[in-house]
C-alpha atoms as a PDB file:
ATOM      1  CA  MET A   1     -15.633 -12.730  95.283  1.00  0.00           C
ATOM      2  CA  ASP A   2     -14.134 -15.783  93.607  1.00  0.00           C
ATOM      3  CA  ILE A   3     -15.174 -16.305  89.999  1.00  0.00           C
ATOM      4  CA  LYS A   4     -14.382 -19.139  87.603  1.00  0.00           C
ATOM      5  CA  GLU A   5     -13.724 -19.298  83.898  1.00  0.00           C
ATOM      6  CA  SER A   6     -12.461 -21.912  81.499  1.00  0.00           C
ATOM      7  CA  TYR A   7      -8.770 -21.981  80.657  1.00  0.00           C
ATOM      8  CA  VAL A   8      -9.950 -21.810  77.037  1.00  0.00           C
ATOM      9  CA  MET A   9     -11.407 -18.363  77.745  1.00  0.00           C
ATOM     10  CA  ALA A  10      -8.389 -17.258  79.778  1.00  0.00           C
ATOM     11  CA  ILE A  11      -6.023 -17.890  76.847  1.00  0.00           C
ATOM     12  CA  SER A  12      -8.329 -16.460  74.174  1.00  0.00           C
ATOM     13  CA  LYS A  13      -6.532 -13.975  71.965  1.00  0.00           C
ATOM     14  CA  ALA A  14      -7.566 -10.338  71.762  1.00  0.00           C
ATOM     15  CA  HIS A  15      -5.950  -6.913  72.073  1.00  0.00           C
ATOM     16  CA  LEU A  16      -7.632  -5.240  75.050  1.00  0.00           C
ATOM     17  CA  THR A  17      -7.373  -1.968  76.921  1.00  0.00           C
ATOM     18  CA  THR A  18      -7.649  -1.886  80.706  1.00  0.00           C
ATOM     19  CA  TYR A  19     -11.329  -0.909  80.668  1.00  0.00           C
ATOM     20  CA  GLU A  20     -12.176  -3.487  77.990  1.00  0.00           C
ATOM     21  CA  ALA A  21     -10.533  -6.170  80.139  1.00  0.00           C
ATOM     22  CA  ARG A  22     -12.543  -5.017  83.175  1.00  0.00           C
ATOM     23  CA  LEU A  23     -15.816  -5.117  81.243  1.00  0.00           C
ATOM     24  CA  LEU A  24     -15.058  -8.694  80.216  1.00  0.00           C
ATOM     25  CA  LEU A  25     -14.381  -9.626  83.844  1.00  0.00           C
ATOM     26  CA  VAL A  26     -17.858  -8.377  84.783  1.00  0.00           C
ATOM     27  CA  ALA A  27     -19.270 -10.277  81.790  1.00  0.00           C
ATOM     28  CA  ILE A  28     -17.608 -13.464  83.067  1.00  0.00           C
ATOM     29  CA  ASN A  29     -19.256 -12.850  86.425  1.00  0.00           C
ATOM     30  CA  SER A  30     -22.660 -12.849  84.680  1.00  0.00           C
ATOM     31  CA  GLY A  31     -22.236 -16.558  83.924  1.00  0.00           C
ATOM     32  CA  GLN A  32     -21.298 -17.716  87.436  1.00  0.00           C
ATOM     33  CA  ALA A  33     -24.732 -19.062  88.410  1.00  0.00           C
ATOM     34  CA  LEU A  34     -24.070 -22.245  86.446  1.00  0.00           C
ATOM     35  CA  LEU A  35     -20.642 -22.693  88.090  1.00  0.00           C
ATOM     36  CA  LYS A  36     -21.363 -21.726  91.689  1.00  0.00           C
ATOM     37  CA  HIS A  37     -21.702 -25.179  93.252  1.00  0.00           C
ATOM     38  CA  ARG A  38     -19.734 -27.204  90.686  1.00  0.00           C
ATOM     39  CA  GLN A  39     -16.426 -28.904  91.391  1.00  0.00           C
ATOM     40  CA  LEU A  40     -14.672 -27.904  88.181  1.00  0.00           C
ATOM     41  CA  SER A  41     -11.757 -30.236  88.847  1.00  0.00           C
ATOM     42  CA  HIS A  42     -14.151 -32.981  87.683  1.00  0.00           C
ATOM     43  CA  GLU A  43     -15.258 -31.128  84.548  1.00  0.00           C
ATOM     44  CA  HIS A  44     -13.365 -32.014  81.383  1.00  0.00           C
ATOM     45  CA  GLY A  45     -15.870 -31.175  78.681  1.00  0.00           C
ATOM     46  CA  VAL A  46     -18.275 -28.399  77.717  1.00  0.00           C
ATOM     47  CA  LEU A  47     -21.147 -27.547  80.051  1.00  0.00           C
ATOM     48  CA  GLN A  48     -24.531 -27.276  78.416  1.00  0.00           C
ATOM     49  CA  HIS A  49     -26.199 -23.900  78.886  1.00  0.00           C
ATOM     50  CA  THR A  50     -29.280 -21.995  77.779  1.00  0.00           C
ATOM     51  CA  TYR A  51     -27.673 -18.604  77.229  1.00  0.00           C
ATOM     52  CA  ASN A  52     -28.293 -17.241  73.739  1.00  0.00           C
ATOM     53  CA  MET A  53     -27.980 -13.476  73.451  1.00  0.00           C
ATOM     54  CA  VAL A  54     -27.615 -12.006  76.941  1.00  0.00           C
ATOM     55  CA  GLU A  55     -28.362  -8.386  77.794  1.00  0.00           C
ATOM     56  CA  LEU A  56     -25.953  -7.276  80.508  1.00  0.00           C
ATOM     57  CA  VAL A  57     -26.289  -3.896  82.228  1.00  0.00           C
ATOM     58  CA  VAL A  58     -23.050  -2.814  83.915  1.00  0.00           C
ATOM     59  CA  PRO A  59     -22.894   0.090  86.397  1.00  0.00           C
ATOM     60  CA  ILE A  60     -19.960   2.209  85.265  1.00  0.00           C
ATOM     61  CA  ASN A  61     -18.738   2.787  88.828  1.00  0.00           C
ATOM     62  CA  GLU A  62     -18.037  -0.967  89.077  1.00  0.00           C
ATOM     63  CA  ILE A  63     -15.445  -0.586  86.329  1.00  0.00           C
ATOM     64  CA  THR A  64     -13.667   2.608  87.365  1.00  0.00           C
ATOM     65  CA  THR A  65     -11.142   2.465  90.191  1.00  0.00           C
ATOM     66  CA  GLU A  66     -11.624   6.190  90.883  1.00  0.00           C
ATOM     67  CA  LYS A  67     -15.323   6.498  91.719  1.00  0.00           C
ATOM     68  CA  GLY A  68     -17.202   8.966  89.543  1.00  0.00           C
ATOM     69  CA  GLN A  69     -14.314   9.419  87.115  1.00  0.00           C
ATOM     70  CA  HIS A  70     -13.366   8.094  83.692  1.00  0.00           C
ATOM     71  CA  TYR A  71     -16.963   7.350  82.674  1.00  0.00           C
ATOM     72  CA  GLU A  72     -16.093   8.211  79.107  1.00  0.00           C
ATOM     73  CA  HIS A  73     -13.307   5.595  79.090  1.00  0.00           C
ATOM     74  CA  VAL A  74     -15.781   2.881  80.084  1.00  0.00           C
ATOM     75  CA  ILE A  75     -18.320   3.992  77.479  1.00  0.00           C
ATOM     76  CA  ASN A  76     -15.645   3.976  74.783  1.00  0.00           C
ATOM     77  CA  ALA A  77     -14.419   0.555  75.943  1.00  0.00           C
ATOM     78  CA  ALA A  78     -17.910  -0.936  75.633  1.00  0.00           C
ATOM     79  CA  ARG A  79     -18.249   0.563  72.163  1.00  0.00           C
ATOM     80  CA  SER A  80     -14.819  -0.720  71.138  1.00  0.00           C
ATOM     81  CA  LEU A  81     -15.572  -4.286  72.267  1.00  0.00           C
ATOM     82  CA  THR A  82     -18.256  -4.563  69.568  1.00  0.00           C
ATOM     83  CA  MET A  83     -15.513  -4.168  66.957  1.00  0.00           C
ATOM     84  CA  LYS A  84     -13.027  -6.648  68.454  1.00  0.00           C
ATOM     85  CA  ASN A  85     -12.735 -10.316  67.600  1.00  0.00           C
ATOM     86  CA  PHE A  86     -11.719 -12.992  70.070  1.00  0.00           C
ATOM     87  CA  THR A  87      -9.972 -16.174  69.004  1.00  0.00           C
ATOM     88  CA  TRP A  88     -10.149 -19.271  71.148  1.00  0.00           C
ATOM     89  CA  ARG A  89      -9.466 -22.968  70.848  1.00  0.00           C
ATOM     90  CA  ASP A  90     -12.342 -25.439  70.555  1.00  0.00           C
ATOM     91  CA  ASP A  91     -11.113 -29.023  70.914  1.00  0.00           C
ATOM     92  CA  THR A  92     -14.645 -30.405  70.992  1.00  0.00           C
ATOM     93  CA  LYS A  93     -14.520 -30.611  67.190  1.00  0.00           C
ATOM     94  CA  ARG A  94     -13.309 -33.812  65.579  1.00  0.00           C
ATOM     95  CA  GLY A  95      -9.561 -33.802  65.030  1.00  0.00           C
ATOM     96  CA  GLY A  96      -8.868 -31.099  67.657  1.00  0.00           C
ATOM     97  CA  GLY A  97      -6.960 -27.861  67.120  1.00  0.00           C
ATOM     98  CA  HIS A  98     -10.120 -26.085  65.977  1.00  0.00           C
ATOM     99  CA  TRP A  99     -10.000 -22.285  66.370  1.00  0.00           C
ATOM    100  CA  VAL A 100     -13.016 -19.978  66.510  1.00  0.00           C
ATOM    101  CA  THR A 101     -12.913 -16.228  65.871  1.00  0.00           C
ATOM    102  CA  CYS A 102     -15.867 -13.888  66.400  1.00  0.00           C
ATOM    103  CA  PRO A 103     -16.963 -10.846  68.431  1.00  0.00           C
ATOM    104  CA  TRP A 104     -18.294 -11.682  71.884  1.00  0.00           C
ATOM    105  CA  VAL A 105     -20.056  -8.321  72.321  1.00  0.00           C
ATOM    106  CA  LEU A 106     -22.658  -7.789  69.608  1.00  0.00           C
ATOM    107  CA  ARG A 107     -23.997  -4.405  70.674  1.00  0.00           C
ATOM    108  CA  ALA A 108     -23.249  -1.751  73.271  1.00  0.00           C
ATOM    109  CA  GLU A 109     -25.389   1.138  74.503  1.00  0.00           C
ATOM    110  CA  HIS A 110     -24.846   3.947  76.939  1.00  0.00           C
ATOM    111  CA  LEU A 111     -27.976   4.460  78.987  1.00  0.00           C
ATOM    112  CA  ALA A 112     -28.170   8.251  79.312  1.00  0.00           C
ATOM    113  CA  ARG A 113     -28.063   9.574  82.881  1.00  0.00           C
ATOM    114  CA  SER A 114     -28.236   6.041  84.256  1.00  0.00           C
ATOM    115  CA  GLY A 115     -24.552   5.618  85.056  1.00  0.00           C
ATOM    116  CA  SER A 116     -24.600   2.306  83.169  1.00  0.00           C
ATOM    117  CA  VAL A 117     -23.627   0.703  79.896  1.00  0.00           C
ATOM    118  CA  LYS A 118     -25.528  -2.166  78.315  1.00  0.00           C
ATOM    119  CA  MET A 119     -23.829  -4.925  76.340  1.00  0.00           C
ATOM    120  CA  ILE A 120     -25.410  -7.704  74.290  1.00  0.00           C
ATOM    121  CA  LEU A 121     -23.250 -10.818  74.692  1.00  0.00           C
ATOM    122  CA  ASP A 122     -23.188 -13.492  72.016  1.00  0.00           C
ATOM    123  CA  LYS A 123     -23.921 -17.158  72.773  1.00  0.00           C
ATOM    124  CA  ARG A 124     -20.327 -17.973  71.827  1.00  0.00           C
ATOM    125  CA  PHE A 125     -19.087 -15.964  74.803  1.00  0.00           C
ATOM    126  CA  TYR A 126     -20.736 -18.525  77.105  1.00  0.00           C
ATOM    127  CA  ASP A 127     -19.613 -21.401  74.851  1.00  0.00           C
ATOM    128  CA  ALA A 128     -16.034 -20.326  75.580  1.00  0.00           C
ATOM    129  CA  LEU A 129     -16.687 -19.633  79.282  1.00  0.00           C
ATOM    130  CA  TYR A 130     -18.030 -23.163  79.827  1.00  0.00           C
ATOM    131  CA  ASN A 131     -15.491 -25.030  77.667  1.00  0.00           C
ATOM    132  CA  PHE A 132     -13.416 -26.936  80.247  1.00  0.00           C
ATOM    133  CA  THR A 133     -11.572 -29.247  77.860  1.00  0.00           C
ATOM    134  CA  LEU A 134      -8.297 -27.553  78.922  1.00  0.00           C
ATOM    135  CA  GLY A 135      -9.199 -26.971  82.585  1.00  0.00           C
ATOM    136  CA  HIS A 136     -10.310 -23.874  84.474  1.00  0.00           C
ATOM    137  CA  CYS A 137      -9.089 -20.773  86.321  1.00  0.00           C
ATOM    138  CA  LYS A 138     -10.367 -19.224  89.553  1.00  0.00           C
ATOM    139  CA  PHE A 139      -9.595 -15.711  90.766  1.00  0.00           C
ATOM    140  CA  ASP A 140     -10.876 -12.837  92.878  1.00  0.00           C
ATOM    141  CA  LEU A 141     -13.019 -10.421  90.876  1.00  0.00           C
ATOM    142  CA  GLN A 142     -12.511  -7.397  93.131  1.00  0.00           C
ATOM    143  CA  ARG A 143      -8.739  -7.792  92.972  1.00  0.00           C
ATOM    144  CA  ALA A 144      -8.770  -8.214  89.193  1.00  0.00           C
ATOM    145  CA  LEU A 145     -10.804  -5.006  88.790  1.00  0.00           C
ATOM    146  CA  THR A 146      -8.192  -2.963  90.677  1.00  0.00           C
ATOM    147  CA  PHE A 147      -5.338  -3.678  88.267  1.00  0.00           C
ATOM    148  CA  LYS A 148      -4.462  -0.649  86.172  1.00  0.00           C
ATOM    149  CA  SER A 149      -2.856  -2.627  83.367  1.00  0.00           C
ATOM    150  CA  ALA A 150      -4.767  -4.813  80.902  1.00  0.00           C
ATOM    151  CA  VAL A 151      -1.736  -7.126  80.828  1.00  0.00           C
ATOM    152  CA  THR A 152      -1.962  -7.666  84.601  1.00  0.00           C
ATOM    153  CA  ALA A 153      -5.719  -8.285  84.393  1.00  0.00           C
ATOM    154  CA  ARG A 154      -5.150 -10.903  81.664  1.00  0.00           C
ATOM    155  CA  LEU A 155      -2.173 -12.576  83.371  1.00  0.00           C
ATOM    156  CA  TYR A 156      -3.693 -12.748  86.854  1.00  0.00           C
ATOM    157  CA  PRO A 157      -6.294 -15.516  86.162  1.00  0.00           C
ATOM    158  CA  LEU A 158      -3.592 -17.622  84.516  1.00  0.00           C
ATOM    159  CA  ILE A 159      -1.221 -17.562  87.480  1.00  0.00           C
ATOM    160  CA  ASN A 160      -3.719 -17.481  90.352  1.00  0.00           C
ATOM    161  CA  THR A 161      -4.360 -21.224  90.625  1.00  0.00           C
ATOM    162  CA  GLN A 162      -1.406 -22.585  88.662  1.00  0.00           C
ATOM    163  CA  ARG A 163       0.348 -25.325  90.632  1.00  0.00           C
ATOM    164  CA  ARG A 164       3.356 -25.880  88.389  1.00  0.00           C
ATOM    165  CA  PRO A 165       5.726 -23.592  86.504  1.00  0.00           C
ATOM    166  CA  ILE A 166       4.665 -22.951  82.901  1.00  0.00           C
ATOM    167  CA  THR A 167       7.053 -22.027  80.117  1.00  0.00           C
ATOM    168  CA  TYR A 168       5.715 -19.793  77.344  1.00  0.00           C
ATOM    169  CA  THR A 169       7.364 -18.733  74.140  1.00  0.00           C
ATOM    170  CA  ILE A 170       7.816 -14.984  73.964  1.00  0.00           C
ATOM    171  CA  GLU A 171       5.613 -14.705  70.880  1.00  0.00           C
ATOM    172  CA  GLY A 172       2.928 -16.965  72.357  1.00  0.00           C
ATOM    173  CA  LEU A 173       2.775 -14.992  75.615  1.00  0.00           C
ATOM    174  CA  LYS A 174       2.648 -11.684  73.756  1.00  0.00           C
ATOM    175  CA  GLU A 175      -0.343 -12.926  71.740  1.00  0.00           C
ATOM    176  CA  LEU A 176      -2.029 -14.231  74.865  1.00  0.00           C
ATOM    177  CA  LEU A 177      -1.632 -10.886  76.647  1.00  0.00           C
ATOM    178  CA  GLY A 178      -2.832  -8.895  73.636  1.00  0.00           C
ATOM    179  CA  VAL A 179       0.451  -7.235  72.689  1.00  0.00           C
ATOM    180  CA  GLY A 180       1.449  -9.471  69.776  1.00  0.00           C
ATOM    181  CA  ASP A 181       2.123  -6.501  67.501  1.00  0.00           C
ATOM    182  CA  LYS A 182       4.427  -4.725  69.981  1.00  0.00           C
ATOM    183  CA  TYR A 183       7.870  -5.159  71.501  1.00  0.00           C
ATOM    184  CA  LYS A 184      10.041  -6.769  68.847  1.00  0.00           C
ATOM    185  CA  ARG A 185      12.754  -7.358  71.434  1.00  0.00           C
ATOM    186  CA  GLY A 186      12.070  -9.821  74.230  1.00  0.00           C
ATOM    187  CA  ASN A 187      13.833  -7.576  76.732  1.00  0.00           C
ATOM    188  CA  ASP A 188      11.392  -4.754  75.963  1.00  0.00           C
ATOM    189  CA  PHE A 189       8.398  -7.073  76.455  1.00  0.00           C
ATOM    190  CA  VAL A 190       9.708  -8.211  79.834  1.00  0.00           C
ATOM    191  CA  LYS A 191      10.499  -4.628  80.892  1.00  0.00           C
ATOM    192  CA  ARG A 192       7.211  -3.081  79.698  1.00  0.00           C
ATOM    193  CA  CYS A 193       4.745  -5.898  80.447  1.00  0.00           C
ATOM    194  CA  ILE A 194       5.945  -8.744  82.663  1.00  0.00           C
ATOM    195  CA  GLU A 195       7.844  -6.712  85.248  1.00  0.00           C
ATOM    196  CA  PRO A 196       5.056  -4.091  85.747  1.00  0.00           C
ATOM    197  CA  ALA A 197       2.475  -6.916  86.050  1.00  0.00           C
ATOM    198  CA  LYS A 198       4.578  -8.567  88.727  1.00  0.00           C
ATOM    199  CA  LYS A 199       4.936  -5.279  90.629  1.00  0.00           C
ATOM    200  CA  GLU A 200       1.165  -4.714  90.521  1.00  0.00           C
ATOM    201  CA  MET A 201       0.444  -8.181  91.876  1.00  0.00           C
ATOM    202  CA  ASP A 202       3.216  -7.915  94.479  1.00  0.00           C
ATOM    203  CA  ALA A 203       1.655  -4.689  95.773  1.00  0.00           C
ATOM    204  CA  SER A 204      -1.789  -6.219  96.409  1.00  0.00           C
ATOM    205  CA  GLU A 205      -3.063  -9.119  98.497  1.00  0.00           C
ATOM    206  CA  GLY A 206      -3.102 -12.660  97.185  1.00  0.00           C
ATOM    207  CA  ASN A 207      -0.996 -14.717  94.805  1.00  0.00           C
ATOM    208  CA  THR A 208       1.743 -13.271  92.651  1.00  0.00           C
ATOM    209  CA  PHE A 209       4.480 -14.829  90.515  1.00  0.00           C
ATOM    210  CA  ILE A 210       8.173 -15.022  89.766  1.00  0.00           C
ATOM    211  CA  TYR A 211       9.583 -15.467  86.289  1.00  0.00           C
ATOM    212  CA  HIS A 212      12.718 -16.674  84.589  1.00  0.00           C
ATOM    213  CA  ALA A 213      13.744 -15.514  81.128  1.00  0.00           C
ATOM    214  CA  VAL A 214      15.209 -18.254  78.931  1.00  0.00           C
ATOM    215  CA  LYS A 215      17.745 -17.043  76.372  1.00  0.00           C
ATOM    216  CA  GLY A 216      18.704 -18.607  73.072  1.00  0.00           C
ATOM    217  CA  ALA A 217      21.019 -17.650  70.245  1.00  0.00           C
ATOM    218  CA  ASN A 218      22.503 -14.145  70.291  1.00  0.00           C
ATOM    219  CA  ASN A 219      21.514 -13.875  73.964  1.00  0.00           C
ATOM    220  CA  ARG A 220      17.911 -13.130  72.986  1.00  0.00           C
ATOM    221  CA  ILE A 221      14.995 -14.065  75.265  1.00  0.00           C
ATOM    222  CA  THR A 222      13.007 -16.846  73.585  1.00  0.00           C
ATOM    223  CA  HIS A 223      10.885 -18.204  76.457  1.00  0.00           C
ATOM    224  CA  ILE A 224       9.619 -17.137  79.882  1.00  0.00           C
ATOM    225  CA  THR A 225       8.950 -19.569  82.737  1.00  0.00           C
ATOM    226  CA  ILE A 226       6.312 -18.289  85.171  1.00  0.00           C
ATOM    227  CA  THR A 227       5.886 -19.785  88.653  1.00  0.00           C
ATOM    228  CA  THR A 228       3.035 -18.838  90.976  1.00  0.00           C
ATOM    229  CA  GLN A 229       3.921 -17.595  94.454  1.00  0.00           C
ATOM    230  CA  TRP A 230       1.116 -18.506  96.833  1.00  0.00           C
ATOM    231  CA  ARG A 231       0.216 -15.831  99.382  1.00  0.00           C
ATOM    232  CA  ALA A 232      -2.761 -15.835 101.729  1.00  0.00           C
ATOM    233  CA  THR A 233      -5.068 -12.827 101.643  1.00  0.00           C
ATOM    234  CA  ASP A 234      -6.239 -11.230 104.894  1.00  0.00           C
ATOM    235  CA  GLU A 235      -9.573 -13.017 104.406  1.00  0.00           C
ATOM    236  CA  GLU A 236      -7.828 -16.369 104.032  1.00  0.00           C
ATOM    237  CA  LYS A 237      -5.737 -15.718 107.152  1.00  0.00           C
ATOM    238  CA  ASN A 238      -8.921 -14.966 109.090  1.00  0.00           C
ATOM    239  CA  ALA A 239     -10.413 -18.195 107.715  1.00  0.00           C
ATOM    240  CA  SER A 240      -7.609 -20.369 109.087  1.00  0.00           C
ATOM    241  CA  TYR A 241      -8.631 -23.137 111.488  1.00  0.00           C
ATOM    242  CA  THR A 242      -6.605 -21.568 114.289  1.00  0.00           C
ATOM    243  CA  SER A 243      -8.332 -18.210 113.901  1.00  0.00           C
ATOM    244  CA  ILE A 244     -11.809 -19.782 113.805  1.00  0.00           C
ATOM    245  CA  ARG A 245     -11.138 -22.030 116.794  1.00  0.00           C
ATOM    246  CA  GLU A 246     -10.022 -19.042 118.865  1.00  0.00           C
ATOM    247  CA  LYS A 247     -13.229 -17.161 118.039  1.00  0.00           C
ATOM    248  CA  ILE A 248     -15.942 -19.827 118.414  1.00  0.00           C
ATOM    249  CA  GLY A 249     -14.286 -22.821 120.080  1.00  0.00           C
ATOM    250  CA  ARG A 250     -13.131 -26.162 118.734  1.00  0.00           C
ATOM    251  CA  GLU A 251     -16.416 -28.041 119.256  1.00  0.00           C
ATOM    252  CA  MET A 252     -18.573 -25.593 117.322  1.00  0.00           C
ATOM    253  CA  MET A 253     -15.976 -25.286 114.561  1.00  0.00           C
ATOM    254  CA  LEU A 254     -15.903 -29.074 114.067  1.00  0.00           C
ATOM    255  CA  LEU A 255     -19.712 -29.268 114.076  1.00  0.00           C
ATOM    256  CA  LEU A 256     -19.962 -26.705 111.304  1.00  0.00           C
ATOM    257  CA  ILE A 257     -17.214 -28.261 109.193  1.00  0.00           C
ATOM    258  CA  GLN A 258     -17.779 -31.992 109.724  1.00  0.00           C
ATOM    259  CA  HIS A 259     -21.564 -32.073 110.065  1.00  0.00           C
ATOM    260  CA  GLY A 260     -22.720 -28.806 108.513  1.00  0.00           C
ATOM    261  CA  GLY A 261     -20.527 -29.109 105.422  1.00  0.00           C
ATOM    262  CA  PHE A 262     -18.958 -25.663 105.855  1.00  0.00           C
ATOM    263  CA  THR A 263     -15.550 -24.655 104.592  1.00  0.00           C
ATOM    264  CA  SER A 264     -13.393 -22.457 106.793  1.00  0.00           C
ATOM    265  CA  MET A 265     -13.935 -19.616 104.309  1.00  0.00           C
ATOM    266  CA  GLN A 266     -17.735 -19.951 104.583  1.00  0.00           C
ATOM    267  CA  ILE A 267     -17.503 -19.774 108.376  1.00  0.00           C
ATOM    268  CA  SER A 268     -15.228 -16.751 108.172  1.00  0.00           C
ATOM    269  CA  ARG A 269     -17.619 -14.920 105.834  1.00  0.00           C
ATOM    270  CA  ASN A 270     -20.461 -15.459 108.315  1.00  0.00           C
ATOM    271  CA  MET A 271     -18.351 -14.902 111.421  1.00  0.00           C
ATOM    272  CA  ARG A 272     -20.496 -12.101 112.844  1.00  0.00           C
ATOM    273  CA  THR A 273     -23.523 -14.414 113.023  1.00  0.00           C
ATOM    274  CA  VAL A 274     -21.534 -17.449 114.162  1.00  0.00           C
ATOM    275  CA  GLU A 275     -19.741 -15.547 116.936  1.00  0.00           C
ATOM    276  CA  LYS A 276     -22.998 -14.088 118.199  1.00  0.00           C
ATOM    277  CA  PHE A 277     -24.618 -17.528 118.195  1.00  0.00           C
ATOM    278  CA  ALA A 278     -21.601 -19.058 119.986  1.00  0.00           C
ATOM    279  CA  GLN A 279     -22.212 -16.725 122.939  1.00  0.00           C
ATOM    280  CA  LYS A 280     -25.555 -18.404 123.679  1.00  0.00           C
ATOM    281  CA  ARG A 281     -25.590 -20.520 126.821  1.00  0.00           C
ATOM    282  CA  ASP A 282     -26.372 -23.829 125.083  1.00  0.00           C
ATOM    283  CA  ALA A 283     -24.998 -22.956 121.642  1.00  0.00           C
ATOM    284  CA  VAL A 284     -23.458 -26.361 120.807  1.00  0.00           C
ATOM    285  CA  ASN A 285     -26.663 -28.320 121.513  1.00  0.00           C
ATOM    286  CA  GLU A 286     -28.764 -25.761 119.629  1.00  0.00           C
ATOM    287  CA  LEU A 287     -26.434 -26.042 116.645  1.00  0.00           C
ATOM    288  CA  CYS A 288     -26.797 -29.835 116.721  1.00  0.00           C
ATOM    289  CA  HIS A 289     -30.591 -29.435 116.527  1.00  0.00           C
ATOM    290  CA  ILE A 290     -30.305 -26.962 113.630  1.00  0.00           C
ATOM    291  CA  ILE A 291     -28.016 -29.292 111.661  1.00  0.00           C
ATOM    292  CA  GLU A 292     -30.293 -32.272 112.368  1.00  0.00           C
ATOM    293  CA  ARG A 293     -33.289 -30.273 111.154  1.00  0.00           C
ATOM    294  CA  ALA A 294     -31.416 -29.193 108.041  1.00  0.00           C
ATOM    295  CA  ARG A 295     -30.529 -32.804 107.213  1.00  0.00           C
ATOM    296  CA  ARG A 296     -34.173 -33.849 107.461  1.00  0.00           C
ATOM    297  CA  ARG A 297     -35.367 -31.024 105.207  1.00  0.00           C
ATOM    298  CA  ARG A 298     -32.456 -31.282 102.746  1.00  0.00           C
ATOM    299  CA  PRO A 299     -32.476 -27.641 101.589  1.00  0.00           C
ATOM    300  CA  ALA A 300     -30.791 -26.763  98.291  1.00  0.00           C
ATOM    301  CA  ASN A 301     -28.296 -24.604 100.202  1.00  0.00           C
ATOM    302  CA  MET A 302     -27.507 -26.423 103.447  1.00  0.00           C
ATOM    303  CA  GLN A 303     -25.046 -23.822 104.735  1.00  0.00           C
ATOM    304  CA  GLY A 304     -27.415 -20.939 103.958  1.00  0.00           C
ATOM    305  CA  TYR A 305     -30.198 -22.710 105.843  1.00  0.00           C
ATOM    306  CA  ILE A 306     -27.990 -23.226 108.920  1.00  0.00           C
ATOM    307  CA  ILE A 307     -26.786 -19.604 108.967  1.00  0.00           C
ATOM    308  CA  ASN A 308     -30.365 -18.287 108.650  1.00  0.00           C
ATOM    309  CA  ALA A 309     -31.484 -20.574 111.481  1.00  0.00           C
ATOM    310  CA  MET A 310     -28.634 -19.278 113.652  1.00  0.00           C
ATOM    311  CA  LYS A 311     -29.714 -15.708 112.898  1.00  0.00           C
ATOM    312  CA  GLU A 312     -33.270 -16.525 113.983  1.00  0.00           C
ATOM    313  CA  GLU A 313     -32.014 -18.030 117.236  1.00  0.00           C
ATOM    314  CA  CYS A 314     -29.999 -14.877 117.934  1.00  0.00           C
ATOM    315  CA  LYS A 315     -32.997 -12.553 117.640  1.00  0.00           C
END
């Protein structure tokens, strides 16, 4: 599942454990309804929202990588988040360079025998999430939740959609990744944080990165340049035009994309229905009628309407 967040939120400063970082990822997912159908490349300001104090109930087994284990770690992480401040940049204020510091989680509760924790999120959490003055990040939530290191979980959104190499100062990157008070030597930071994060990303599907350490006086590392390495996931490979054309034929693929407004990924995610429909004797003409009907009715979710109509025709 792809989720989006502002770059402002991605570079917010806080010292987080792995489970705290995972809880925040789920919290970010709670605000996706407002972002679902938006082209964020066109957003350069702050989205208006109606979130004030949000009560979020999180099943603990969504946070643990080993199902049924480490419940206490998640409970402690939720409790700890109420005592942690986050600092982020708010350039909407006159003069720019305005920094805000406050806790994003106001209260945490463990719901006894429910297998869940409840967090009360402050309005400012969503203020930061929807602040696109510096751009946005997009990443896969399930992949992010599998990382065992908080550093990897924090670095992953930053590199996942980055098109150009970015050079960070050592101190700036340490602060960004929540280890500003550790690793006095740049070599130790690279060895203990950057290299393990790269290995974790290399070992899983999707984008990873390469890095180059820049050295200054006394042969000390002063900066790190990070470049994203783009790698297709298995889902993205299955969503390629070649793969889709082989499964449902060129004519139906073009109808869905050019006239139904589908992306290749949307077709791939509904491939079971689409393949079944494509086996019908007059599938192309029936699809034309469905798309024509959808255009007349103008449903809020055009692609959802077409898929549901295809399901009905397959019954």
